[in-house]
Protein backbone atom coordinates (compact mmCIF):
# COMPACT_ATOMS: atom_id res chain seq x y z
CA MET A 1 -5.61 -19.79 8.77
CA THR A 2 -7.93 -16.85 8.83
CA ALA A 3 -11.60 -17.22 7.99
CA GLN A 4 -12.66 -16.38 4.58
CA HIS A 5 -14.75 -13.39 4.20
CA ILE A 6 -16.98 -13.18 1.08
CA ILE A 7 -19.54 -10.39 1.05
CA ASN A 8 -22.16 -9.06 -1.42
CA SER A 9 -20.42 -5.61 -1.53
CA LEU A 10 -23.53 -3.69 -2.61
CA GLU A 11 -25.74 -5.28 0.20
CA PHE A 12 -22.95 -4.78 2.68
CA ALA A 13 -22.84 -0.99 1.94
CA ARG A 14 -26.53 -0.60 1.89
CA LYS A 15 -26.94 -2.23 5.24
CA SER A 16 -24.06 -0.31 6.65
CA LEU A 17 -22.51 -3.47 7.84
CA GLU A 18 -18.96 -3.94 9.53
CA ILE A 19 -16.49 -6.78 9.76
CA ARG A 20 -13.05 -6.87 11.31
CA ASP A 21 -10.42 -9.52 11.65
CA THR A 22 -6.61 -10.08 11.83
CA ILE A 23 -4.55 -11.58 9.05
CA ALA A 24 -1.33 -13.37 9.55
CA HIS A 25 1.76 -13.20 7.42
CA SER A 26 1.19 -16.86 6.32
CA ASP A 27 -2.37 -16.00 5.12
CA LEU A 28 -1.23 -13.45 2.52
CA GLN A 29 -1.00 -15.55 -0.61
CA ARG A 30 0.58 -12.78 -2.90
CA ALA A 31 2.43 -10.72 -0.39
CA LYS A 32 4.03 -13.43 1.77
CA ASP A 33 7.10 -13.62 -0.45
CA LEU A 34 7.74 -9.91 0.00
CA LEU A 35 7.33 -10.18 3.78
CA THR A 36 9.70 -11.53 6.44
CA PRO A 37 8.56 -13.77 9.17
CA GLU A 38 8.95 -10.82 11.68
CA THR A 39 5.68 -9.45 10.07
CA GLU A 40 3.08 -9.23 12.97
CA SER A 41 -0.51 -10.00 12.35
CA LEU A 42 -2.29 -7.14 10.66
CA ASN A 43 -5.61 -5.81 11.94
CA TRP A 44 -8.25 -4.71 9.58
CA ARG A 45 -11.84 -3.38 9.42
CA LEU A 46 -14.25 -3.04 6.53
CA SER A 47 -17.43 -0.93 6.94
CA GLY A 48 -20.09 0.02 4.40
CA GLU A 49 -22.28 2.93 3.98
CA VAL A 50 -24.46 4.85 1.53
CA SER A 51 -23.18 8.46 1.53
CA ALA A 52 -25.38 11.61 1.23
CA ASP A 53 -24.82 11.57 -2.48
CA LYS A 54 -26.48 8.08 -2.59
CA LYS A 55 -23.32 6.31 -3.63
CA ALA A 56 -22.40 3.09 -1.97
CA ARG A 57 -19.04 3.11 -0.25
CA LEU A 58 -16.72 0.74 1.52
CA HIS A 59 -14.13 2.01 4.13
CA LEU A 60 -11.07 -0.11 4.90
CA THR A 61 -8.70 0.41 7.67
CA LEU A 62 -5.58 -1.67 8.18
CA THR A 63 -3.01 -1.34 10.96
CA GLY A 64 -0.02 -3.35 11.96
CA ASN A 65 3.74 -3.70 11.34
CA ALA A 66 4.99 -5.35 8.16
CA ALA A 67 8.62 -6.51 8.03
CA VAL A 68 10.45 -6.42 4.60
CA PRO A 69 14.05 -7.25 3.74
CA CYS A 70 16.33 -4.11 3.47
CA GLN A 71 17.71 -4.07 -0.10
CA ARG A 72 21.10 -3.03 1.29
CA CYS A 73 21.75 -5.54 4.09
CA LEU A 74 18.76 -7.98 3.85
CA GLU A 75 17.96 -7.68 7.40
CA PRO A 76 14.24 -7.14 8.38
CA MET A 77 12.98 -3.76 8.27
CA LEU A 78 9.68 -2.86 10.12
CA ILE A 79 7.15 -0.77 8.21
CA ALA A 80 4.23 0.60 10.21
CA LEU A 81 1.12 0.19 8.11
CA ASN A 82 -1.70 2.69 8.92
CA ILE A 83 -3.90 2.35 5.83
CA SER A 84 -7.37 4.06 5.44
CA SER A 85 -8.98 3.62 2.08
CA GLU A 86 -12.33 4.50 0.67
CA PHE A 87 -13.99 2.92 -2.42
CA ILE A 88 -17.01 3.91 -4.25
CA LEU A 89 -18.99 0.89 -5.55
CA VAL A 90 -20.07 1.04 -9.28
CA LYS A 91 -22.19 -1.51 -11.35
CA ASP A 92 -19.51 -1.89 -14.04
CA GLU A 93 -16.36 -0.20 -15.28
CA SER A 94 -18.27 2.14 -17.58
CA GLU A 95 -19.41 4.07 -14.52
CA VAL A 96 -15.98 4.93 -13.53
CA PRO A 97 -15.16 8.46 -14.55
CA PRO A 98 -12.08 9.20 -16.60
CA GLU A 99 -9.15 10.39 -14.30
CA GLU A 100 -9.15 13.83 -15.69
CA ASP A 101 -13.04 14.32 -14.69
CA ASP A 102 -12.38 12.89 -11.26
CA VAL A 103 -11.24 15.87 -9.38
CA GLU A 104 -11.20 14.37 -5.95
CA ASP A 105 -9.32 11.17 -7.11
CA HIS A 106 -11.57 8.47 -5.74
CA ASP A 107 -11.05 4.88 -5.67
CA TYR A 108 -13.67 2.77 -7.47
CA ILE A 109 -14.57 -0.96 -7.28
CA VAL A 110 -17.08 -2.92 -9.32
CA ALA A 111 -19.84 -4.20 -7.02
CA ASP A 112 -19.55 -7.96 -6.62
CA ALA A 113 -22.09 -10.43 -5.23
CA GLU A 114 -19.07 -12.60 -4.02
CA MET A 115 -16.48 -10.16 -3.11
CA ASP A 116 -13.31 -11.54 -1.39
CA VAL A 117 -12.54 -9.02 1.24
CA LEU A 118 -9.10 -10.63 1.99
CA GLN A 119 -8.12 -9.98 -1.49
CA LEU A 120 -8.93 -6.40 -1.04
CA VAL A 121 -7.03 -6.26 2.12
CA GLU A 122 -4.03 -7.83 0.42
CA ASP A 123 -4.17 -5.41 -2.52
CA GLU A 124 -3.94 -2.47 -0.09
CA ILE A 125 -1.00 -4.08 1.71
CA LEU A 126 0.78 -4.54 -1.63
CA LEU A 127 0.11 -1.00 -2.59
CA ALA A 128 1.53 0.37 0.85
CA LEU A 129 4.80 -1.56 0.69
CA PRO A 130 7.86 0.33 -0.76
CA TYR A 131 9.23 -0.93 -4.06
CA ALA A 132 12.92 -1.06 -2.71
CA PRO A 133 12.87 -0.72 0.96
CA LYS A 134 16.13 0.52 2.69
CA HIS A 135 17.14 1.22 6.07
CA GLU A 136 18.48 4.81 6.64
CA ILE A 137 22.22 4.43 6.01
CA ASN A 138 22.94 5.11 9.78
CA ASP A 139 20.54 2.26 10.80
CA CYS A 140 21.64 -0.30 8.19
CA ALA A 141 23.61 -3.37 9.02
CA VAL A 142 25.91 -2.66 6.23
CA LYS A 143 28.75 -0.80 7.79
CA ALA A 144 31.03 -0.20 4.85
CA GLU A 145 30.60 2.86 2.68
CA VAL A 146 27.72 2.56 0.37
CA ASN A 147 28.49 3.67 -3.10
CA GLU A 148 25.54 5.42 -4.33
CA LEU A 149 25.32 6.18 -8.07
CA LYS A 150 26.14 9.76 -8.35
CA ALA A 151 25.85 11.80 -11.66
CA PRO A 152 28.96 13.48 -12.54
CA ASN A 153 29.05 17.33 -12.07
CA PRO A 154 28.17 18.76 -15.52
CA PHE A 155 30.36 21.70 -14.70
CA ALA A 156 33.48 19.86 -13.65
CA ALA A 157 34.96 20.27 -17.05
CA LEU A 158 34.78 24.04 -16.89
CA ARG A 159 37.05 24.04 -13.81
CA ASP A 160 40.00 24.00 -16.23
CA PHE A 161 38.95 27.07 -17.90
CA LYS A 162 38.59 29.04 -14.72
CA VAL A 163 40.88 32.06 -14.85
CA VAL A 164 42.69 32.81 -11.75
CA LYS A 165 43.70 36.43 -11.15
CA SER A 166 46.82 37.18 -9.28
């Protein structure tokens, strides 16, 4: 089992600290049911800083291959994860600007004296996984024709009205 990483997020950023570790498929409490055993260990690194605008920030990078079941054939499908996220720490949710005012679309986290880093890592993994993963049709183990839902052509009924000039 992976070591538990609990940090004081504000102090971590102010001191420009950094931690790194690997996390195994079996250690992901919320994501392990979405992943197949072919998932490799994922490497992550969290670093803190206080930027020039005096805002405490956390930078999370995560790399590795996650395997999820294809929704067509149910065979494992590898997804290369290369996540790089930046979070601005705020004292409480009232400091998070409304979406329409945040022109740069930052991610905010409420500063916590006992922040569980592995929860943050798992959140980012969950956000990176596709909702309904499917192999490309040529790579899928399902060899039969896949009947995709296709909307009928709205102009097909007009074909009968077409005048053919002789």
